Amino acid sequence: MFTPGIWQALIVAMIVLLLFGTRLPSVMRSLGEGITEFKKGMKGTESDPNSRIEDQSE
């Protein structure tokens, strides 16, 4: 099977940067926010800890 070496990976990375360089920061930011939201969902924590107290008092 074909496994890319370091030079092939660098060439592909350069092409990706040339093609998507202007949009790459916004894509990475969105990816980071998505991962953060996913982790919050997996923990089951809410953004407002007081809302859980209000729910239990009713």
PDB file of N, CA and C in Angstrom:
ATOM      1  N   MET A   1       0.839  -1.183   0.000  1.00  0.00           N
ATOM      2  CA  MET A   1       0.000   0.000   0.000  1.00  0.00           C
ATOM      3  C   MET A   1       0.878   1.237   0.000  1.00  0.00           C
ATOM      4  N   PHE A   2       0.303   2.283  -0.481  1.00  0.00           N
ATOM      5  CA  PHE A   2       1.017   3.551  -0.531  1.00  0.00           C
ATOM      6  C   PHE A   2       0.856   4.298   0.790  1.00  0.00           C
ATOM      7  N   THR A   3       1.962   4.593   1.431  1.00  0.00           N
ATOM      8  CA  THR A   3       1.939   5.424   2.632  1.00  0.00           C
ATOM      9  C   THR A   3       2.732   6.689   2.337  1.00  0.00           C
ATOM     10  N   PRO A   4       2.101   7.836   2.523  1.00  0.00           N
ATOM     11  CA  PRO A   4       2.801   9.095   2.194  1.00  0.00           C
ATOM     12  C   PRO A   4       3.952   9.356   3.155  1.00  0.00           C
ATOM     13  N   GLY A   5       5.014   9.867   2.617  1.00  0.00           N
ATOM     14  CA  GLY A   5       6.165  10.246   3.419  1.00  0.00           C
ATOM     15  C   GLY A   5       6.026  11.668   3.902  1.00  0.00           C
ATOM     16  N   ILE A   6       7.059  12.145   4.554  1.00  0.00           N
ATOM     17  CA  ILE A   6       7.030  13.497   5.127  1.00  0.00           C
ATOM     18  C   ILE A   6       6.963  14.555   4.031  1.00  0.00           C
ATOM     19  N   TRP A   7       7.669  14.330   2.920  1.00  0.00           N
ATOM     20  CA  TRP A   7       7.673  15.331   1.852  1.00  0.00           C
ATOM     21  C   TRP A   7       6.306  15.415   1.175  1.00  0.00           C
ATOM     22  N   GLN A   8       5.667  14.289   0.968  1.00  0.00           N
ATOM     23  CA  GLN A   8       4.335  14.312   0.353  1.00  0.00           C
ATOM     24  C   GLN A   8       3.336  15.010   1.273  1.00  0.00           C
ATOM     25  N   ALA A   9       3.440  14.753   2.575  1.00  0.00           N
ATOM     26  CA  ALA A   9       2.543  15.404   3.533  1.00  0.00           C
ATOM     27  C   ALA A   9       2.776  16.912   3.557  1.00  0.00           C
ATOM     28  N   LEU A  10       4.020  17.340   3.489  1.00  0.00           N
ATOM     29  CA  LEU A  10       4.325  18.779   3.464  1.00  0.00           C
ATOM     30  C   LEU A  10       3.791  19.445   2.199  1.00  0.00           C
ATOM     31  N   ILE A  11       3.916  18.774   1.077  1.00  0.00           N
ATOM     32  CA  ILE A  11       3.408  19.331  -0.181  1.00  0.00           C
ATOM     33  C   ILE A  11       1.889  19.457  -0.127  1.00  0.00           C
ATOM     34  N   VAL A  12       1.219  18.449   0.380  1.00  0.00           N
ATOM     35  CA  VAL A  12      -0.247  18.509   0.506  1.00  0.00           C
ATOM     36  C   VAL A  12      -0.641  19.626   1.466  1.00  0.00           C
ATOM     37  N   ALA A  13       0.076  19.777   2.565  1.00  0.00           N
ATOM     38  CA  ALA A  13      -0.217  20.838   3.535  1.00  0.00           C
ATOM     39  C   ALA A  13      -0.039  22.217   2.900  1.00  0.00           C
ATOM     40  N   MET A  14       0.989  22.387   2.097  1.00  0.00           N
ATOM     41  CA  MET A  14       1.208  23.674   1.426  1.00  0.00           C
ATOM     42  C   MET A  14       0.076  23.979   0.443  1.00  0.00           C
ATOM     43  N   ILE A  15      -0.374  22.967  -0.293  1.00  0.00           N
ATOM     44  CA  ILE A  15      -1.469  23.173  -1.240  1.00  0.00           C
ATOM     45  C   ILE A  15      -2.748  23.538  -0.504  1.00  0.00           C
ATOM     46  N   VAL A  16      -3.015  22.861   0.615  1.00  0.00           N
ATOM     47  CA  VAL A  16      -4.208  23.167   1.408  1.00  0.00           C
ATOM     48  C   VAL A  16      -4.136  24.594   1.935  1.00  0.00           C
ATOM     49  N   LEU A  17      -2.972  25.008   2.415  1.00  0.00           N
ATOM     50  CA  LEU A  17      -2.824  26.378   2.907  1.00  0.00           C
ATOM     51  C   LEU A  17      -3.026  27.399   1.793  1.00  0.00           C
ATOM     52  N   LEU A  18      -2.540  27.098   0.609  1.00  0.00           N
ATOM     53  CA  LEU A  18      -2.715  28.028  -0.511  1.00  0.00           C
ATOM     54  C   LEU A  18      -4.183  28.141  -0.914  1.00  0.00           C
ATOM     55  N   LEU A  19      -4.887  27.016  -0.915  1.00  0.00           N
ATOM     56  CA  LEU A  19      -6.281  27.024  -1.348  1.00  0.00           C
ATOM     57  C   LEU A  19      -7.234  27.562  -0.288  1.00  0.00           C
ATOM     58  N   PHE A  20      -7.014  27.180   0.968  1.00  0.00           N
ATOM     59  CA  PHE A  20      -7.958  27.505   2.034  1.00  0.00           C
ATOM     60  C   PHE A  20      -7.371  28.435   3.093  1.00  0.00           C
ATOM     61  N   GLY A  21      -6.292  29.084   2.805  1.00  0.00           N
ATOM     62  CA  GLY A  21      -5.591  29.916   3.786  1.00  0.00           C
ATOM     63  C   GLY A  21      -6.434  31.011   4.401  1.00  0.00           C
ATOM     64  N   THR A  22      -7.295  31.634   3.603  1.00  0.00           N
ATOM     65  CA  THR A  22      -8.077  32.750   4.137  1.00  0.00           C
ATOM     66  C   THR A  22      -9.228  32.272   5.007  1.00  0.00           C
ATOM     67  N   ARG A  23      -9.764  31.075   4.727  1.00  0.00           N
ATOM     68  CA  ARG A  23     -10.899  30.566   5.502  1.00  0.00           C
ATOM     69  C   ARG A  23     -10.464  29.657   6.644  1.00  0.00           C
ATOM     70  N   LEU A  24      -9.217  29.271   6.678  1.00  0.00           N
ATOM     71  CA  LEU A  24      -8.757  28.291   7.649  1.00  0.00           C
ATOM     72  C   LEU A  24      -8.942  28.736   9.102  1.00  0.00           C
ATOM     73  N   PRO A  25      -8.631  29.976   9.485  1.00  0.00           N
ATOM     74  CA  PRO A  25      -8.852  30.373  10.888  1.00  0.00           C
ATOM     75  C   PRO A  25     -10.311  30.259  11.330  1.00  0.00           C
ATOM     76  N   SER A  26     -11.239  30.651  10.480  1.00  0.00           N
ATOM     77  CA  SER A  26     -12.649  30.565  10.869  1.00  0.00           C
ATOM     78  C   SER A  26     -13.106  29.117  10.951  1.00  0.00           C
ATOM     79  N   VAL A  27     -12.588  28.265  10.082  1.00  0.00           N
ATOM     80  CA  VAL A  27     -12.946  26.849  10.128  1.00  0.00           C
ATOM     81  C   VAL A  27     -12.413  26.219  11.410  1.00  0.00           C
ATOM     82  N   MET A  28     -11.183  26.532  11.769  1.00  0.00           N
ATOM     83  CA  MET A  28     -10.594  25.971  12.988  1.00  0.00           C
ATOM     84  C   MET A  28     -11.315  26.488  14.235  1.00  0.00           C
ATOM     85  N   ARG A  29     -11.725  27.750  14.222  1.00  0.00           N
ATOM     86  CA  ARG A  29     -12.461  28.316  15.349  1.00  0.00           C
ATOM     87  C   ARG A  29     -13.797  27.607  15.515  1.00  0.00           C
ATOM     88  N   SER A  30     -14.486  27.383  14.413  1.00  0.00           N
ATOM     89  CA  SER A  30     -15.768  26.674  14.465  1.00  0.00           C
ATOM     90  C   SER A  30     -15.576  25.242  14.948  1.00  0.00           C
ATOM     91  N   LEU A  31     -14.511  24.604  14.512  1.00  0.00           N
ATOM     92  CA  LEU A  31     -14.220  23.240  14.945  1.00  0.00           C
ATOM     93  C   LEU A  31     -13.964  23.204  16.450  1.00  0.00           C
ATOM     94  N   GLY A  32     -13.200  24.163  16.950  1.00  0.00           N
ATOM     95  CA  GLY A  32     -12.928  24.232  18.384  1.00  0.00           C
ATOM     96  C   GLY A  32     -14.185  24.462  19.201  1.00  0.00           C
ATOM     97  N   GLU A  33     -15.062  25.346  18.731  1.00  0.00           N
ATOM     98  CA  GLU A  33     -16.315  25.589  19.438  1.00  0.00           C
ATOM     99  C   GLU A  33     -17.189  24.344  19.427  1.00  0.00           C
ATOM    100  N   GLY A  34     -17.190  23.633  18.320  1.00  0.00           N
ATOM    101  CA  GLY A  34     -17.974  22.406  18.244  1.00  0.00           C
ATOM    102  C   GLY A  34     -17.475  21.343  19.200  1.00  0.00           C
ATOM    103  N   ILE A  35     -16.165  21.205  19.291  1.00  0.00           N
ATOM    104  CA  ILE A  35     -15.585  20.232  20.217  1.00  0.00           C
ATOM    105  C   ILE A  35     -15.905  20.607  21.656  1.00  0.00           C
ATOM    106  N   THR A  36     -15.824  21.894  21.967  1.00  0.00           N
ATOM    107  CA  THR A  36     -16.135  22.359  23.318  1.00  0.00           C
ATOM    108  C   THR A  36     -17.588  22.061  23.674  1.00  0.00           C
ATOM    109  N   GLU A  37     -18.499  22.344  22.758  1.00  0.00           N
ATOM    110  CA  GLU A  37     -19.920  22.070  23.006  1.00  0.00           C
ATOM    111  C   GLU A  37     -20.170  20.576  23.145  1.00  0.00           C
ATOM    112  N   PHE A  38     -19.475  19.771  22.354  1.00  0.00           N
ATOM    113  CA  PHE A  38     -19.628  18.323  22.448  1.00  0.00           C
ATOM    114  C   PHE A  38     -19.178  17.818  23.812  1.00  0.00           C
ATOM    115  N   LYS A  39     -18.048  18.326  24.297  1.00  0.00           N
ATOM    116  CA  LYS A  39     -17.547  17.910  25.613  1.00  0.00           C
ATOM    117  C   LYS A  39     -18.505  18.330  26.721  1.00  0.00           C
ATOM    118  N   LYS A  40     -19.071  19.526  26.605  1.00  0.00           N
ATOM    119  CA  LYS A  40     -20.056  19.971  27.593  1.00  0.00           C
ATOM    120  C   LYS A  40     -21.270  19.062  27.584  1.00  0.00           C
ATOM    121  N   GLY A  41     -21.708  18.664  26.402  1.00  0.00           N
ATOM    122  CA  GLY A  41     -22.851  17.771  26.291  1.00  0.00           C
ATOM    123  C   GLY A  41     -22.562  16.393  26.858  1.00  0.00           C
ATOM    124  N   MET A  42     -21.353  15.905  26.685  1.00  0.00           N
ATOM    125  CA  MET A  42     -20.986  14.595  27.210  1.00  0.00           C
ATOM    126  C   MET A  42     -20.925  14.602  28.735  1.00  0.00           C
ATOM    127  N   LYS A  43     -20.497  15.721  29.311  1.00  0.00           N
ATOM    128  CA  LYS A  43     -20.440  15.826  30.770  1.00  0.00           C
ATOM    129  C   LYS A  43     -21.833  15.972  31.362  1.00  0.00           C
ATOM    130  N   GLY A  44     -22.738  16.537  30.597  1.00  0.00           N
ATOM    131  CA  GLY A  44     -24.096  16.747  31.079  1.00  0.00           C
ATOM    132  C   GLY A  44     -24.206  17.991  31.941  1.00  0.00           C
ATOM    133  N   THR A  45     -23.212  18.848  31.903  1.00  0.00           N
ATOM    134  CA  THR A  45     -23.267  20.077  32.688  1.00  0.00           C
ATOM    135  C   THR A  45     -23.992  21.147  31.896  1.00  0.00           C
ATOM    136  N   GLU A  46     -24.618  22.033  32.617  1.00  0.00           N
ATOM    137  CA  GLU A  46     -25.315  23.140  31.993  1.00  0.00           C
ATOM    138  C   GLU A  46     -24.470  24.390  32.152  1.00  0.00           C
ATOM    139  N   SER A  47     -24.701  25.364  31.301  1.00  0.00           N
ATOM    140  CA  SER A  47     -23.919  26.584  31.367  1.00  0.00           C
ATOM    141  C   SER A  47     -24.291  27.431  32.585  1.00  0.00           C
ATOM    142  N   ASP A  48     -25.524  27.306  33.080  1.00  0.00           N
ATOM    143  CA  ASP A  48     -25.973  28.076  34.233  1.00  0.00           C
ATOM    144  C   ASP A  48     -26.247  27.115  35.390  1.00  0.00           C
ATOM    145  N   PRO A  49     -25.357  27.060  36.388  1.00  0.00           N
ATOM    146  CA  PRO A  49     -25.547  26.105  37.482  1.00  0.00           C
ATOM    147  C   PRO A  49     -26.779  26.403  38.324  1.00  0.00           C
ATOM    148  N   ASN A  50     -27.271  27.643  38.333  1.00  0.00           N
ATOM    149  CA  ASN A  50     -28.446  27.989  39.124  1.00  0.00           C
ATOM    150  C   ASN A  50     -29.724  27.412  38.527  1.00  0.00           C
ATOM    151  N   SER A  51     -29.735  27.137  37.238  1.00  0.00           N
ATOM    152  CA  SER A  51     -30.949  26.611  36.625  1.00  0.00           C
ATOM    153  C   SER A  51     -31.267  25.224  37.160  1.00  0.00           C
ATOM    154  N   ARG A  52     -30.288  24.436  37.534  1.00  0.00           N
ATOM    155  CA  ARG A  52     -30.533  23.105  38.094  1.00  0.00           C
ATOM    156  C   ARG A  52     -31.157  23.221  39.482  1.00  0.00           C
ATOM    157  N   ILE A  53     -30.739  24.208  40.258  1.00  0.00           N
ATOM    158  CA  ILE A  53     -31.283  24.419  41.594  1.00  0.00           C
ATOM    159  C   ILE A  53     -32.743  24.839  41.472  1.00  0.00           C
ATOM    160  N   GLU A  54     -33.064  25.712  40.515  1.00  0.00           N
ATOM    161  CA  GLU A  54     -34.438  26.154  40.337  1.00  0.00           C
ATOM    162  C   GLU A  54     -35.328  24.996  39.902  1.00  0.00           C
ATOM    163  N   ASP A  55     -34.813  24.110  39.066  1.00  0.00           N
ATOM    164  CA  ASP A  55     -35.591  22.964  38.602  1.00  0.00           C
ATOM    165  C   ASP A  55     -35.911  22.022  39.765  1.00  0.00           C
ATOM    166  N   GLN A  56     -35.008  21.834  40.692  1.00  0.00           N
ATOM    167  CA  GLN A  56     -35.217  20.917  41.790  1.00  0.00           C
ATOM    168  C   GLN A  56     -36.178  21.478  42.825  1.00  0.00           C
ATOM    169  N   SER A  57     -36.265  22.792  42.956  1.00  0.00           N
ATOM    170  CA  SER A  57     -37.127  23.386  43.975  1.00  0.00           C
ATOM    171  C   SER A  57     -38.593  23.348  43.563  1.00  0.00           C
ATOM    172  N   GLU A  58     -38.895  23.149  42.297  1.00  0.00           N
ATOM    173  CA  GLU A  58     -40.294  23.159  41.834  1.00  0.00           C
ATOM    174  C   GLU A  58     -41.004  21.892  42.114  1.00  0.00           C
TER     175      GLU A  58
END
